[in-house]
Amino acid sequence: MTGDSGDGATLGDFKSRVFGVGPQVGYKFNASDTTDGYINLKGYYEFGAKNRAEGWNLWLTLAFSAAAQK
């Protein structure tokens, strides 16, 4: 990959890197006869960062979609 370039990169190319590790769990469920739901929880610790923050991240995702045709 290459760094930023073009007119908007007034500070030069900005490259970063980070390593992360942590658990994730998800569950699919029927919200109704016509709708499926999915909930996901993931948390990870970022370390070994260069040009970005380190620390914990926690994400909770809730999504709904049309159920599959039977």
PDB file of N, CA and C in Angstrom:
ATOM      1  N   MET A   1       0.827  -1.173   0.000  1.00  0.00           N
ATOM      2  CA  MET A   1       0.000   0.000   0.000  1.00  0.00           C
ATOM      3  C   MET A   1       0.874   1.240   0.000  1.00  0.00           C
ATOM      4  N   THR A   2       0.323   2.293  -0.496  1.00  0.00           N
ATOM      5  CA  THR A   2       1.041   3.558  -0.540  1.00  0.00           C
ATOM      6  C   THR A   2       0.403   4.559   0.407  1.00  0.00           C
ATOM      7  N   GLY A   3       1.161   5.580   0.753  1.00  0.00           N
ATOM      8  CA  GLY A   3       0.655   6.637   1.611  1.00  0.00           C
ATOM      9  C   GLY A   3      -0.249   7.580   0.839  1.00  0.00           C
ATOM     10  N   ASP A   4      -0.805   8.548   1.552  1.00  0.00           N
ATOM     11  CA  ASP A   4      -1.661   9.552   0.927  1.00  0.00           C
ATOM     12  C   ASP A   4      -0.870  10.354  -0.111  1.00  0.00           C
ATOM     13  N   SER A   5      -1.565  10.786  -1.138  1.00  0.00           N
ATOM     14  CA  SER A   5      -0.947  11.643  -2.143  1.00  0.00           C
ATOM     15  C   SER A   5      -2.019  12.550  -2.739  1.00  0.00           C
ATOM     16  N   GLY A   6      -1.606  13.504  -3.553  1.00  0.00           N
ATOM     17  CA  GLY A   6      -2.558  14.406  -4.180  1.00  0.00           C
ATOM     18  C   GLY A   6      -2.593  15.751  -3.488  1.00  0.00           C
ATOM     19  N   ASP A   7      -3.499  16.604  -3.949  1.00  0.00           N
ATOM     20  CA  ASP A   7      -3.593  17.973  -3.439  1.00  0.00           C
ATOM     21  C   ASP A   7      -3.949  18.039  -1.960  1.00  0.00           C
ATOM     22  N   GLY A   8      -4.748  17.113  -1.466  1.00  0.00           N
ATOM     23  CA  GLY A   8      -5.193  17.151  -0.071  1.00  0.00           C
ATOM     24  C   GLY A   8      -4.156  16.705   0.934  1.00  0.00           C
ATOM     25  N   ALA A   9      -3.069  16.077   0.496  1.00  0.00           N
ATOM     26  CA  ALA A   9      -2.047  15.557   1.413  1.00  0.00           C
ATOM     27  C   ALA A   9      -1.018  16.641   1.711  1.00  0.00           C
ATOM     28  N   THR A  10      -1.456  17.706   2.372  1.00  0.00           N
ATOM     29  CA  THR A  10      -0.568  18.847   2.635  1.00  0.00           C
ATOM     30  C   THR A  10       0.502  18.520   3.674  1.00  0.00           C
ATOM     31  N   LEU A  11       0.269  17.514   4.512  1.00  0.00           N
ATOM     32  CA  LEU A  11       1.254  17.135   5.529  1.00  0.00           C
ATOM     33  C   LEU A  11       2.117  15.961   5.085  1.00  0.00           C
ATOM     34  N   GLY A  12       2.007  15.560   3.838  1.00  0.00           N
ATOM     35  CA  GLY A  12       2.788  14.427   3.345  1.00  0.00           C
ATOM     36  C   GLY A  12       2.003  13.128   3.478  1.00  0.00           C
ATOM     37  N   ASP A  13       2.667  12.022   3.123  1.00  0.00           N
ATOM     38  CA  ASP A  13       1.982  10.729   3.239  1.00  0.00           C
ATOM     39  C   ASP A  13       1.892  10.349   4.710  1.00  0.00           C
ATOM     40  N   PHE A  14       0.743   9.927   5.122  1.00  0.00           N
ATOM     41  CA  PHE A  14       0.503   9.565   6.523  1.00  0.00           C
ATOM     42  C   PHE A  14       0.246   8.068   6.571  1.00  0.00           C
ATOM     43  N   LYS A  15       1.199   7.343   7.099  1.00  0.00           N
ATOM     44  CA  LYS A  15       1.080   5.888   7.208  1.00  0.00           C
ATOM     45  C   LYS A  15       0.961   5.530   8.689  1.00  0.00           C
ATOM     46  N   SER A  16       0.180   4.513   8.975  1.00  0.00           N
ATOM     47  CA  SER A  16       0.042   4.044  10.344  1.00  0.00           C
ATOM     48  C   SER A  16       0.001   2.523  10.337  1.00  0.00           C
ATOM     49  N   ARG A  17       0.121   1.956  11.529  1.00  0.00           N
ATOM     50  CA  ARG A  17       0.003   0.508  11.671  1.00  0.00           C
ATOM     51  C   ARG A  17      -0.416   0.229  13.112  1.00  0.00           C
ATOM     52  N   VAL A  18      -1.043  -0.918  13.296  1.00  0.00           N
ATOM     53  CA  VAL A  18      -1.444  -1.337  14.629  1.00  0.00           C
ATOM     54  C   VAL A  18      -1.690  -2.843  14.606  1.00  0.00           C
ATOM     55  N   PHE A  19      -1.497  -3.481  15.739  1.00  0.00           N
ATOM     56  CA  PHE A  19      -1.818  -4.891  15.919  1.00  0.00           C
ATOM     57  C   PHE A  19      -2.949  -4.970  16.927  1.00  0.00           C
ATOM     58  N   GLY A  20      -3.822  -5.961  16.779  1.00  0.00           N
ATOM     59  CA  GLY A  20      -4.943  -6.102  17.700  1.00  0.00           C
ATOM     60  C   GLY A  20      -5.278  -7.559  17.946  1.00  0.00           C
ATOM     61  N   VAL A  21      -5.805  -7.825  19.141  1.00  0.00           N
ATOM     62  CA  VAL A  21      -6.216  -9.180  19.494  1.00  0.00           C
ATOM     63  C   VAL A  21      -7.391  -9.094  20.466  1.00  0.00           C
ATOM     64  N   GLY A  22      -8.346 -10.015  20.300  1.00  0.00           N
ATOM     65  CA  GLY A  22      -9.483 -10.033  21.209  1.00  0.00           C
ATOM     66  C   GLY A  22     -10.591 -10.947  20.720  1.00  0.00           C
ATOM     67  N   PRO A  23     -11.626 -11.150  21.542  1.00  0.00           N
ATOM     68  CA  PRO A  23     -12.712 -12.071  21.218  1.00  0.00           C
ATOM     69  C   PRO A  23     -13.845 -11.405  20.425  1.00  0.00           C
ATOM     70  N   GLN A  24     -14.658 -12.263  19.816  1.00  0.00           N
ATOM     71  CA  GLN A  24     -15.852 -11.817  19.094  1.00  0.00           C
ATOM     72  C   GLN A  24     -16.907 -12.909  19.212  1.00  0.00           C
ATOM     73  N   VAL A  25     -18.165 -12.486  19.387  1.00  0.00           N
ATOM     74  CA  VAL A  25     -19.269 -13.435  19.444  1.00  0.00           C
ATOM     75  C   VAL A  25     -20.458 -12.824  18.711  1.00  0.00           C
ATOM     76  N   GLY A  26     -21.195 -13.670  17.989  1.00  0.00           N
ATOM     77  CA  GLY A  26     -22.363 -13.205  17.243  1.00  0.00           C
ATOM     78  C   GLY A  26     -23.509 -14.188  17.370  1.00  0.00           C
ATOM     79  N   TYR A  27     -24.735 -13.682  17.167  1.00  0.00           N
ATOM     80  CA  TYR A  27     -25.927 -14.526  17.279  1.00  0.00           C
ATOM     81  C   TYR A  27     -26.964 -14.069  16.262  1.00  0.00           C
ATOM     82  N   LYS A  28     -27.456 -15.010  15.446  1.00  0.00           N
ATOM     83  CA  LYS A  28     -28.505 -14.728  14.477  1.00  0.00           C
ATOM     84  C   LYS A  28     -29.835 -15.193  15.055  1.00  0.00           C
ATOM     85  N   PHE A  29     -30.897 -14.376  14.862  1.00  0.00           N
ATOM     86  CA  PHE A  29     -32.203 -14.719  15.428  1.00  0.00           C
ATOM     87  C   PHE A  29     -33.307 -14.257  14.488  1.00  0.00           C
ATOM     88  N   ASN A  30     -34.500 -14.829  14.658  1.00  0.00           N
ATOM     89  CA  ASN A  30     -35.681 -14.415  13.913  1.00  0.00           C
ATOM     90  C   ASN A  30     -36.367 -13.301  14.690  1.00  0.00           C
ATOM     91  N   ALA A  31     -36.418 -12.107  14.101  1.00  0.00           N
ATOM     92  CA  ALA A  31     -37.069 -10.979  14.752  1.00  0.00           C
ATOM     93  C   ALA A  31     -38.577 -11.015  14.527  1.00  0.00           C
ATOM     94  N   SER A  32     -38.990 -11.528  13.368  1.00  0.00           N
ATOM     95  CA  SER A  32     -40.408 -11.709  13.050  1.00  0.00           C
ATOM     96  C   SER A  32     -40.488 -12.727  11.909  1.00  0.00           C
ATOM     97  N   ASP A  33     -41.698 -12.945  11.374  1.00  0.00           N
ATOM     98  CA  ASP A  33     -41.845 -13.895  10.269  1.00  0.00           C
ATOM     99  C   ASP A  33     -41.121 -13.430   9.011  1.00  0.00           C
ATOM    100  N   THR A  34     -40.946 -12.135   8.843  1.00  0.00           N
ATOM    101  CA  THR A  34     -40.349 -11.593   7.618  1.00  0.00           C
ATOM    102  C   THR A  34     -38.992 -10.933   7.841  1.00  0.00           C
ATOM    103  N   THR A  35     -38.491 -10.944   9.072  1.00  0.00           N
ATOM    104  CA  THR A  35     -37.256 -10.232   9.384  1.00  0.00           C
ATOM    105  C   THR A  35     -36.323 -11.095  10.223  1.00  0.00           C
ATOM    106  N   ASP A  36     -35.052 -11.147   9.820  1.00  0.00           N
ATOM    107  CA  ASP A  36     -34.005 -11.786  10.604  1.00  0.00           C
ATOM    108  C   ASP A  36     -33.180 -10.711  11.287  1.00  0.00           C
ATOM    109  N   GLY A  37     -32.614 -11.060  12.422  1.00  0.00           N
ATOM    110  CA  GLY A  37     -31.753 -10.137  13.143  1.00  0.00           C
ATOM    111  C   GLY A  37     -30.408 -10.768  13.439  1.00  0.00           C
ATOM    112  N   TYR A  38     -29.428  -9.935  13.652  1.00  0.00           N
ATOM    113  CA  TYR A  38     -28.082 -10.400  13.999  1.00  0.00           C
ATOM    114  C   TYR A  38     -27.475  -9.411  14.987  1.00  0.00           C
ATOM    115  N   ILE A  39     -26.924  -9.939  16.069  1.00  0.00           N
ATOM    116  CA  ILE A  39     -26.241  -9.112  17.053  1.00  0.00           C
ATOM    117  C   ILE A  39     -24.812  -9.623  17.203  1.00  0.00           C
ATOM    118  N   ASN A  40     -23.869  -8.706  17.280  1.00  0.00           N
ATOM    119  CA  ASN A  40     -22.459  -9.067  17.335  1.00  0.00           C
ATOM    120  C   ASN A  40     -21.763  -8.181  18.359  1.00  0.00           C
ATOM    121  N   LEU A  41     -20.925  -8.780  19.170  1.00  0.00           N
ATOM    122  CA  LEU A  41     -20.126  -8.052  20.157  1.00  0.00           C
ATOM    123  C   LEU A  41     -18.673  -8.456  19.966  1.00  0.00           C
ATOM    124  N   LYS A  42     -17.815  -7.465  19.779  1.00  0.00           N
ATOM    125  CA  LYS A  42     -16.390  -7.759  19.672  1.00  0.00           C
ATOM    126  C   LYS A  42     -15.605  -6.731  20.461  1.00  0.00           C
ATOM    127  N   GLY A  43     -14.549  -7.192  21.071  1.00  0.00           N
ATOM    128  CA  GLY A  43     -13.657  -6.326  21.813  1.00  0.00           C
ATOM    129  C   GLY A  43     -12.228  -6.740  21.523  1.00  0.00           C
ATOM    130  N   TYR A  44     -11.368  -5.763  21.343  1.00  0.00           N
ATOM    131  CA  TYR A  44      -9.981  -6.098  21.080  1.00  0.00           C
ATOM    132  C   TYR A  44      -9.064  -5.003  21.611  1.00  0.00           C
ATOM    133  N   TYR A  45      -7.837  -5.416  21.912  1.00  0.00           N
ATOM    134  CA  TYR A  45      -6.826  -4.486  22.393  1.00  0.00           C
ATOM    135  C   TYR A  45      -5.858  -4.201  21.248  1.00  0.00           C
ATOM    136  N   GLU A  46      -5.651  -2.930  20.950  1.00  0.00           N
ATOM    137  CA  GLU A  46      -4.710  -2.534  19.916  1.00  0.00           C
ATOM    138  C   GLU A  46      -3.380  -2.160  20.561  1.00  0.00           C
ATOM    139  N   PHE A  47      -2.281  -2.666  19.982  1.00  0.00           N
ATOM    140  CA  PHE A  47      -0.951  -2.422  20.530  1.00  0.00           C
ATOM    141  C   PHE A  47       0.059  -2.325  19.387  1.00  0.00           C
ATOM    142  N   GLY A  48       1.269  -1.929  19.711  1.00  0.00           N
ATOM    143  CA  GLY A  48       2.317  -1.796  18.709  1.00  0.00           C
ATOM    144  C   GLY A  48       1.979  -0.748  17.667  1.00  0.00           C
ATOM    145  N   ALA A  49       1.291   0.297  18.082  1.00  0.00           N
ATOM    146  CA  ALA A  49       0.791   1.302  17.146  1.00  0.00           C
ATOM    147  C   ALA A  49       1.895   2.256  16.706  1.00  0.00           C
ATOM    148  N   LYS A  50       1.779   2.677  15.462  1.00  0.00           N
ATOM    149  CA  LYS A  50       2.639   3.719  14.912  1.00  0.00           C
ATOM    150  C   LYS A  50       1.721   4.758  14.282  1.00  0.00           C
ATOM    151  N   ASN A  51       1.767   5.985  14.762  1.00  0.00           N
ATOM    152  CA  ASN A  51       0.938   7.096  14.271  1.00  0.00           C
ATOM    153  C   ASN A  51      -0.560   6.865  14.471  1.00  0.00           C
ATOM    154  N   ARG A  52      -0.939   6.201  15.525  1.00  0.00           N
ATOM    155  CA  ARG A  52      -2.349   6.083  15.898  1.00  0.00           C
ATOM    156  C   ARG A  52      -2.457   5.657  17.351  1.00  0.00           C
ATOM    157  N   ALA A  53      -3.644   5.754  17.916  1.00  0.00           N
ATOM    158  CA  ALA A  53      -3.848   5.468  19.343  1.00  0.00           C
ATOM    159  C   ALA A  53      -3.803   3.971  19.627  1.00  0.00           C
ATOM    160  N   GLU A  54      -3.414   3.638  20.848  1.00  0.00           N
ATOM    161  CA  GLU A  54      -3.466   2.264  21.340  1.00  0.00           C
ATOM    162  C   GLU A  54      -4.556   2.170  22.396  1.00  0.00           C
ATOM    163  N   GLY A  55      -5.009   0.959  22.671  1.00  0.00           N
ATOM    164  CA  GLY A  55      -5.974   0.754  23.742  1.00  0.00           C
ATOM    165  C   GLY A  55      -7.081  -0.185  23.339  1.00  0.00           C
ATOM    166  N   TRP A  56      -8.119  -0.215  24.171  1.00  0.00           N
ATOM    167  CA  TRP A  56      -9.243  -1.127  23.983  1.00  0.00           C
ATOM    168  C   TRP A  56     -10.298  -0.526  23.066  1.00  0.00           C
ATOM    169  N   ASN A  57     -10.918  -1.389  22.265  1.00  0.00           N
ATOM    170  CA  ASN A  57     -12.070  -1.056  21.433  1.00  0.00           C
ATOM    171  C   ASN A  57     -13.166  -2.054  21.735  1.00  0.00           C
ATOM    172  N   LEU A  58     -14.389  -1.590  21.805  1.00  0.00           N
ATOM    173  CA  LEU A  58     -15.546  -2.454  22.017  1.00  0.00           C
ATOM    174  C   LEU A  58     -16.623  -2.034  21.029  1.00  0.00           C
ATOM    175  N   TRP A  59     -17.130  -3.003  20.252  1.00  0.00           N
ATOM    176  CA  TRP A  59     -18.136  -2.736  19.220  1.00  0.00           C
ATOM    177  C   TRP A  59     -19.353  -3.622  19.463  1.00  0.00           C
ATOM    178  N   LEU A  60     -20.516  -3.014  19.424  1.00  0.00           N
ATOM    179  CA  LEU A  60     -21.782  -3.733  19.480  1.00  0.00           C
ATOM    180  C   LEU A  60     -22.541  -3.412  18.197  1.00  0.00           C
ATOM    181  N   THR A  61     -22.895  -4.440  17.448  1.00  0.00           N
ATOM    182  CA  THR A  61     -23.587  -4.267  16.176  1.00  0.00           C
ATOM    183  C   THR A  61     -24.922  -4.991  16.233  1.00  0.00           C
ATOM    184  N   LEU A  62     -25.968  -4.303  15.784  1.00  0.00           N
ATOM    185  CA  LEU A  62     -27.302  -4.895  15.677  1.00  0.00           C
ATOM    186  C   LEU A  62     -27.796  -4.622  14.267  1.00  0.00           C
ATOM    187  N   ALA A  63     -28.145  -5.680  13.538  1.00  0.00           N
ATOM    188  CA  ALA A  63     -28.563  -5.528  12.138  1.00  0.00           C
ATOM    189  C   ALA A  63     -29.830  -6.336  11.883  1.00  0.00           C
ATOM    190  N   PHE A  64     -30.678  -5.802  11.010  1.00  0.00           N
ATOM    191  CA  PHE A  64     -31.912  -6.485  10.596  1.00  0.00           C
ATOM    192  C   PHE A  64     -31.955  -6.568   9.076  1.00  0.00           C
ATOM    193  N   SER A  65     -32.488  -7.676   8.571  1.00  0.00           N
ATOM    194  CA  SER A  65     -32.635  -7.844   7.118  1.00  0.00           C
ATOM    195  C   SER A  65     -33.874  -8.678   6.845  1.00  0.00           C
ATOM    196  N   ALA A  66     -34.317  -8.637   5.590  1.00  0.00           N
ATOM    197  CA  ALA A  66     -35.470  -9.450   5.189  1.00  0.00           C
ATOM    198  C   ALA A  66     -35.116 -10.923   5.329  1.00  0.00           C
ATOM    199  N   ALA A  67     -36.053 -11.702   5.830  1.00  0.00           N
ATOM    200  CA  ALA A  67     -35.802 -13.138   6.011  1.00  0.00           C
ATOM    201  C   ALA A  67     -35.729 -13.830   4.659  1.00  0.00           C
ATOM    202  N   ALA A  68     -34.999 -14.927   4.613  1.00  0.00           N
ATOM    203  CA  ALA A  68     -34.877 -15.714   3.381  1.00  0.00           C
ATOM    204  C   ALA A  68     -36.223 -16.343   3.026  1.00  0.00           C
ATOM    205  N   GLN A  69     -36.463 -16.474   1.726  1.00  0.00           N
ATOM    206  CA  GLN A  69     -37.702 -17.116   1.243  1.00  0.00           C
ATOM    207  C   GLN A  69     -37.698 -18.580   1.668  1.00  0.00           C
ATOM    208  N   LYS A  70     -38.852 -19.070   2.090  1.00  0.00           N
ATOM    209  CA  LYS A  70     -38.950 -20.481   2.504  1.00  0.00           C
ATOM    210  C   LYS A  70     -39.456 -21.332   1.368  1.00  0.00           C
TER     211      LYS A  70
END
